[in-house]
Structure formats: structure tokens, C-alpha cells
Amino acid sequence: MRQIVGAHNIYGSWTLFRKEVLRFLKVSIQTVLAPTVSTLLYLLVFGVVFEETVVVYEGHSYSGFLIPGLVMMALAQNAFANGSSSILQSKMNGNIIFVLLAPLSYIEFYLAFVGAAILRGVVVGISVLLVAAAVIRVELYSIPLILLFALLSSGVMGALGIIAGIWSDKYDHLSAFQNFIILPLTFLSGVFYSIQDLPPFWQQISTYNPVFYLIDGFRYGFLGVSDVSYIQSMVVALLFFIGLSLLSIAMLRSGYKLRG
């Protein structure tokens, strides 16, 4: 892997990006259809049970509140899974060396993997949203904000996926990363509830969860209301994305756990 980016190898980066996209599209039943169905089940179960009894925001149904959170949860988890599983699989199969020997810089490597993660996250998010819209009326307050937070969130989780894939030595490590970091961050980020309904202590704890801002800002794009200012959510999401991107690029540059 080249250490200095001079003339950018756009074709090489595009080829790696295309390879990663084709990898998840080839098993689209597992990578797109399965998360769509499982998210729809969440919506049906929680929507039916709490639709008439829970009102989070006045003027909005509980199902309307729930849909953006579920879309974001599916989007984030799949964006994370794309890069992390690909890098770990390549390391375990020993073919990561062929990627490292290619005339690609660490930044081009990063762009290809994060780009593919963003695309997978957005594809899954759109799929979930379309299926949900066939069952329940979906509100759209600001499409540009929805797209912005979808791209930012996919980028955040894509960069985090690169970090997890590089750090992991086997699937047990990646599973631990998902079960003890990704799942708690997503499930405790206001997907199913507003943090305003929590006791003050847990409200404060929730504000330290960066995924909360991804979901809250995304939800504002649908409903026009949120627990915190969408500007604050945008700033936190952007800083989180920059921080994780710099860390993942630094790990790629150093060859940590990649060069044997």
C-alpha cells in the first residue's frame, strides 16, 4: 500500500469500491432482505403493542416516532458490518495481502471501504423505509436533513467497521465488538423511546452516547421535532465521523494487524 498520495489512483479505488459493493449485493438476501424483514418485525410488534398507549411527541403516532429510529438502527448496523466483516474475512483467509500490494494509498483504501459501507447502509435504510411506508404512513419533514444524517451515520459506522475489522483477529472478537459496543450504543440511543422520558441521571448518560445524536437528528428530518437541536446533532455526528475516520486512516497507514 502506497504511503504517499500523489496522483490519486481513482480507477484502483473505484475497483476496490466496486468489489466491496458486489460482495454484499451478491448475497443481498442476507445483507439487505434479512435486516429489512427483522426491522419490519420490530415495527409491527412495538407498533401494535404501544400505538394506542404511548405518545412521545404530540401530534405524532408512536409508529411514526419509531420508524426513523428503526431505519437508522438497520442502516448503522449494516454499514458497520460491511467493512468489518470484509476486512476480517480477508485477514483470516490471507488474501488481505493482495489488497495491500495493490498501488493504493491508505486513504484510497479507506475511501473505497467507507464508500461501500455508506452505500450498503443507505440501500438497507431505503429498503426498510419503503417496506414500512407500505404498512404505516411515513412523515417527511426535511428530505435534505434525512439524507445528510443517513450519509453521516453510514460514514461513522463504516469508519468504525474498518477499525473493528483491523482490530479483530477472529470472528469472536468481531462478535464481541458488535455485542458489547454496537448493540448497546444503538439500542440505548432512543430508538424506542425519547430520552426526555428517562430519569435525569439516565438522560445525562444518554447525551454521552454519540449514536443518540445520529438517531435524534435523523428523526428530526422525519418529524420536525427532536430531543435536542438538530444543529447540535449534526455537529456531534460530523466530529464523530472525522475522529473515527482519522483513527481508521492512522491504523491503515501504520499497517496495524494487517502486515503480519
Protein backbone atom coordinates (compact mmCIF):
# COMPACT_ATOMS: atom_id res chain seq x y z
CA MET A 1 0.00 0.00 0.00
CA ARG A 2 1.44 3.35 -1.03
CA GLN A 3 2.11 5.67 1.88
CA ILE A 4 2.01 8.95 -0.05
CA VAL A 5 -0.90 10.05 -2.17
CA GLY A 6 0.47 11.78 -5.23
CA ALA A 7 -1.51 11.13 -8.37
CA HIS A 8 -4.64 9.55 -6.99
CA ASN A 9 -5.35 6.04 -8.21
CA ILE A 10 -9.01 6.75 -8.89
CA TYR A 11 -9.51 3.64 -11.01
CA GLY A 12 -7.93 1.38 -8.38
CA SER A 13 -10.00 2.89 -5.58
CA TRP A 14 -13.15 2.57 -7.72
CA THR A 15 -12.32 -1.08 -8.45
CA LEU A 16 -11.96 -1.87 -4.74
CA PHE A 17 -15.18 0.01 -4.01
CA ARG A 18 -16.97 -1.92 -6.76
CA LYS A 19 -15.63 -5.20 -5.41
CA GLU A 20 -17.00 -4.40 -1.95
CA VAL A 21 -20.38 -3.39 -3.36
CA LEU A 22 -20.66 -6.54 -5.46
CA ARG A 23 -19.70 -8.58 -2.40
CA PHE A 24 -22.76 -7.51 -0.41
CA LEU A 25 -25.10 -7.39 -3.42
CA LYS A 26 -24.20 -10.98 -4.30
CA VAL A 27 -25.77 -12.11 -1.02
CA SER A 28 -28.50 -9.46 -0.93
CA ILE A 29 -30.95 -11.86 0.73
CA GLN A 30 -28.66 -11.87 3.75
CA THR A 31 -27.37 -8.30 3.59
CA VAL A 32 -30.49 -6.38 2.50
CA LEU A 33 -33.63 -8.52 2.74
CA ALA A 34 -32.90 -10.09 6.14
CA PRO A 35 -32.36 -6.79 8.04
CA THR A 36 -35.42 -5.33 6.30
CA VAL A 37 -37.63 -8.18 7.48
CA SER A 38 -36.25 -8.18 11.03
CA THR A 39 -36.74 -4.40 11.29
CA LEU A 40 -40.29 -4.71 10.00
CA LEU A 41 -40.97 -7.25 12.75
CA TYR A 42 -39.77 -4.72 15.34
CA LEU A 43 -42.13 -2.17 13.85
CA LEU A 44 -45.11 -4.50 13.79
CA VAL A 45 -44.57 -5.79 17.32
CA PHE A 46 -43.81 -2.49 19.04
CA GLY A 47 -46.21 -0.50 16.85
CA VAL A 48 -49.15 -2.78 17.55
CA VAL A 49 -48.44 -3.06 21.28
CA PHE A 50 -47.79 0.62 22.05
CA GLU A 51 -49.57 2.50 19.25
CA GLU A 52 -52.61 3.42 21.34
CA THR A 53 -50.91 3.77 24.71
CA VAL A 54 -47.66 5.65 24.05
CA VAL A 55 -47.40 9.23 22.77
CA VAL A 56 -43.83 10.52 22.58
CA TYR A 57 -44.40 13.74 20.63
CA GLU A 58 -47.80 15.42 20.47
CA GLY A 59 -49.34 15.15 17.03
CA HIS A 60 -47.24 12.16 16.03
CA SER A 61 -48.12 8.49 16.40
CA TYR A 62 -45.80 6.09 18.17
CA SER A 63 -45.26 4.21 14.90
CA GLY A 64 -44.30 7.48 13.22
CA PHE A 65 -41.81 8.09 16.03
CA LEU A 66 -40.48 4.54 15.81
CA ILE A 67 -39.85 4.32 12.06
CA PRO A 68 -36.86 6.74 11.87
CA GLY A 69 -35.16 5.02 14.80
CA LEU A 70 -35.59 1.57 13.27
CA VAL A 71 -34.40 2.75 9.86
CA MET A 72 -31.31 4.31 11.43
CA MET A 73 -30.61 1.21 13.53
CA ALA A 74 -30.70 -1.03 10.46
CA LEU A 75 -28.66 1.47 8.44
CA ALA A 76 -25.98 1.82 11.12
CA GLN A 77 -25.61 -1.87 11.87
CA ASN A 78 -25.28 -2.82 8.21
CA ALA A 79 -22.83 -0.03 7.40
CA PHE A 80 -20.69 -1.28 10.29
CA ALA A 81 -20.98 -4.90 9.20
CA ASN A 82 -19.87 -4.24 5.62
CA GLY A 83 -16.30 -3.09 6.20
CA SER A 84 -15.66 -5.01 9.41
CA SER A 85 -16.66 -8.41 8.01
CA SER A 86 -14.82 -7.85 4.72
CA ILE A 87 -11.52 -6.85 6.34
CA LEU A 88 -11.65 -9.62 8.94
CA GLN A 89 -12.54 -12.25 6.34
CA SER A 90 -9.65 -11.12 4.14
CA LYS A 91 -7.25 -11.26 7.09
CA MET A 92 -8.37 -14.76 8.11
CA ASN A 93 -8.24 -16.06 4.52
CA GLY A 94 -4.83 -14.50 3.99
CA ASN A 95 -5.85 -12.55 0.88
CA ILE A 96 -5.59 -9.12 2.52
CA ILE A 97 -2.01 -9.15 1.23
CA PHE A 98 -3.26 -8.77 -2.35
CA VAL A 99 -5.10 -5.58 -1.40
CA LEU A 100 -2.06 -4.24 0.45
CA LEU A 101 0.20 -4.93 -2.54
CA ALA A 102 -2.06 -3.03 -4.90
CA PRO A 103 -0.96 0.50 -5.86
CA LEU A 104 -3.46 2.07 -3.48
CA SER A 105 -2.76 4.54 -0.69
CA TYR A 106 -4.26 4.08 2.75
CA ILE A 107 -6.64 6.99 2.02
CA GLU A 108 -7.84 5.36 -1.20
CA PHE A 109 -8.30 2.09 0.70
CA TYR A 110 -10.31 3.98 3.33
CA LEU A 111 -12.47 5.77 0.75
CA ALA A 112 -13.32 2.53 -1.04
CA PHE A 113 -14.35 0.70 2.12
CA VAL A 114 -16.25 3.59 3.69
CA GLY A 115 -17.94 4.34 0.37
CA ALA A 116 -19.17 0.76 0.10
CA ALA A 117 -20.34 0.82 3.74
CA ILE A 118 -22.27 4.05 3.11
CA LEU A 119 -23.92 2.55 0.03
CA ARG A 120 -24.93 -0.62 1.88
CA GLY A 121 -26.28 1.38 4.82
CA VAL A 122 -28.31 3.66 2.55
CA VAL A 123 -29.64 0.73 0.48
CA VAL A 124 -30.79 -1.08 3.63
CA GLY A 125 -32.25 2.14 5.05
CA ILE A 126 -34.25 2.83 1.87
CA SER A 127 -35.42 -0.78 1.77
CA VAL A 128 -36.66 -0.61 5.37
CA LEU A 129 -38.31 2.75 4.77
CA LEU A 130 -40.14 1.58 1.65
CA VAL A 131 -41.45 -1.53 3.38
CA ALA A 132 -42.51 0.50 6.43
CA ALA A 133 -44.26 3.04 4.19
CA ALA A 134 -46.33 0.21 2.72
CA VAL A 135 -47.66 -0.58 6.20
CA ILE A 136 -47.74 2.79 8.02
CA ARG A 137 -47.89 6.40 6.87
CA VAL A 138 -44.37 7.85 6.96
CA GLU A 139 -43.90 11.57 7.65
CA LEU A 140 -41.19 13.51 5.80
CA TYR A 141 -40.35 16.92 7.25
CA SER A 142 -36.98 17.58 5.56
CA ILE A 143 -35.59 15.20 2.94
CA PRO A 144 -32.19 17.00 2.77
CA LEU A 145 -31.71 16.50 6.53
CA ILE A 146 -32.75 12.86 6.25
CA LEU A 147 -30.17 12.30 3.50
CA LEU A 148 -27.48 14.23 5.39
CA PHE A 149 -27.86 12.22 8.59
CA ALA A 150 -28.16 8.95 6.63
CA LEU A 151 -24.84 9.64 4.88
CA LEU A 152 -23.12 10.88 8.06
CA SER A 153 -24.34 7.91 10.09
CA SER A 154 -23.32 5.38 7.43
CA GLY A 155 -19.91 7.04 7.24
CA VAL A 156 -19.50 6.95 11.02
CA MET A 157 -20.36 3.27 11.23
CA GLY A 158 -18.35 2.46 8.11
CA ALA A 159 -15.23 4.01 9.66
CA LEU A 160 -15.95 2.20 12.92
CA GLY A 161 -16.32 -1.03 10.94
CA ILE A 162 -12.83 -0.57 9.45
CA ILE A 163 -11.42 -0.10 12.96
CA ALA A 164 -13.21 -3.19 14.26
CA GLY A 165 -12.16 -5.30 11.27
CA ILE A 166 -8.50 -4.32 11.67
CA TRP A 167 -8.54 -4.83 15.46
CA SER A 168 -10.27 -8.22 15.36
CA ASP A 169 -8.21 -11.36 14.93
CA LYS A 170 -11.16 -13.75 14.69
CA TYR A 171 -14.94 -13.71 14.45
CA ASP A 172 -15.27 -13.96 18.23
CA HIS A 173 -13.54 -10.59 18.55
CA LEU A 174 -15.84 -9.01 15.97
CA SER A 175 -18.90 -10.52 17.66
CA ALA A 176 -17.74 -9.10 20.99
CA PHE A 177 -17.31 -5.66 19.36
CA GLN A 178 -20.83 -5.85 17.97
CA ASN A 179 -22.48 -7.25 21.11
CA PHE A 180 -20.73 -5.07 23.70
CA ILE A 181 -20.31 -1.81 21.77
CA ILE A 182 -22.52 -1.51 18.68
CA LEU A 183 -25.72 -3.10 20.06
CA PRO A 184 -25.73 -1.18 23.39
CA LEU A 185 -24.97 2.10 21.61
CA THR A 186 -27.84 1.61 19.16
CA PHE A 187 -30.47 0.12 21.49
CA LEU A 188 -29.79 2.72 24.21
CA SER A 189 -29.84 5.69 21.86
CA GLY A 190 -33.55 6.48 21.79
CA VAL A 191 -34.68 4.12 19.05
CA PHE A 192 -37.76 3.04 21.01
CA TYR A 193 -38.19 5.99 23.38
CA SER A 194 -37.44 9.65 23.94
CA ILE A 195 -34.66 10.38 26.42
CA GLN A 196 -36.95 13.06 27.86
CA ASP A 197 -38.96 10.21 29.40
CA LEU A 198 -35.91 8.95 31.31
CA PRO A 199 -34.89 9.96 34.85
CA PRO A 200 -32.44 12.90 34.90
CA PHE A 201 -29.42 10.65 35.56
CA TRP A 202 -30.11 8.46 32.53
CA GLN A 203 -30.90 11.48 30.39
CA GLN A 204 -27.42 12.77 31.16
CA ILE A 205 -25.86 9.39 30.40
CA SER A 206 -27.69 9.26 27.06
CA THR A 207 -26.18 12.57 25.98
CA TYR A 208 -22.74 10.91 26.05
CA ASN A 209 -23.86 8.32 23.51
CA PRO A 210 -22.87 9.61 20.05
CA VAL A 211 -25.35 7.28 18.32
CA PHE A 212 -28.17 9.13 20.11
CA TYR A 213 -27.34 12.25 18.07
CA LEU A 214 -27.35 10.26 14.82
CA ILE A 215 -30.83 8.95 15.53
CA ASP A 216 -32.22 12.15 17.02
CA GLY A 217 -31.08 14.29 14.09
CA PHE A 218 -32.34 11.69 11.62
CA ARG A 219 -35.72 11.63 13.38
CA TYR A 220 -35.95 15.41 13.17
CA GLY A 221 -35.80 15.08 9.39
CA PHE A 222 -38.96 12.96 9.53
CA LEU A 223 -40.99 14.62 12.28
CA GLY A 224 -39.63 18.14 12.64
CA VAL A 225 -39.20 17.60 16.39
CA SER A 226 -36.37 16.06 18.40
CA ASP A 227 -34.94 15.78 21.91
CA VAL A 228 -32.01 18.12 21.15
CA SER A 229 -31.31 20.67 18.45
CA TYR A 230 -30.65 19.10 15.06
CA ILE A 231 -27.73 21.51 14.67
CA GLN A 232 -26.14 20.03 17.80
CA SER A 233 -26.75 16.53 16.46
CA MET A 234 -25.17 17.50 13.14
CA VAL A 235 -22.06 18.90 14.81
CA VAL A 236 -21.62 15.84 17.05
CA ALA A 237 -22.15 13.47 14.10
CA LEU A 238 -19.61 15.35 11.99
CA LEU A 239 -17.00 15.43 14.76
CA PHE A 240 -17.57 11.74 15.46
CA PHE A 241 -17.15 10.94 11.77
CA ILE A 242 -13.94 12.98 11.49
CA GLY A 243 -12.48 11.42 14.65
CA LEU A 244 -13.22 7.83 13.61
CA SER A 245 -12.01 8.50 10.06
CA LEU A 246 -8.69 9.84 11.30
CA LEU A 247 -8.26 6.84 13.60
CA SER A 248 -9.09 4.32 10.87
CA ILE A 249 -6.75 6.06 8.40
CA ALA A 250 -3.98 6.07 11.02
CA MET A 251 -4.46 2.32 11.58
CA LEU A 252 -4.35 1.67 7.84
CA ARG A 253 -1.26 3.83 7.47
CA SER A 254 0.59 2.02 10.25
CA GLY A 255 -0.34 -1.43 8.94
CA TYR A 256 -1.55 -2.42 12.43
CA LYS A 257 -2.54 -6.09 12.37
CA LEU A 258 -2.55 -6.03 8.57
CA ARG A 259 1.04 -6.72 7.60
CA GLY A 260 1.52 -9.81 9.69
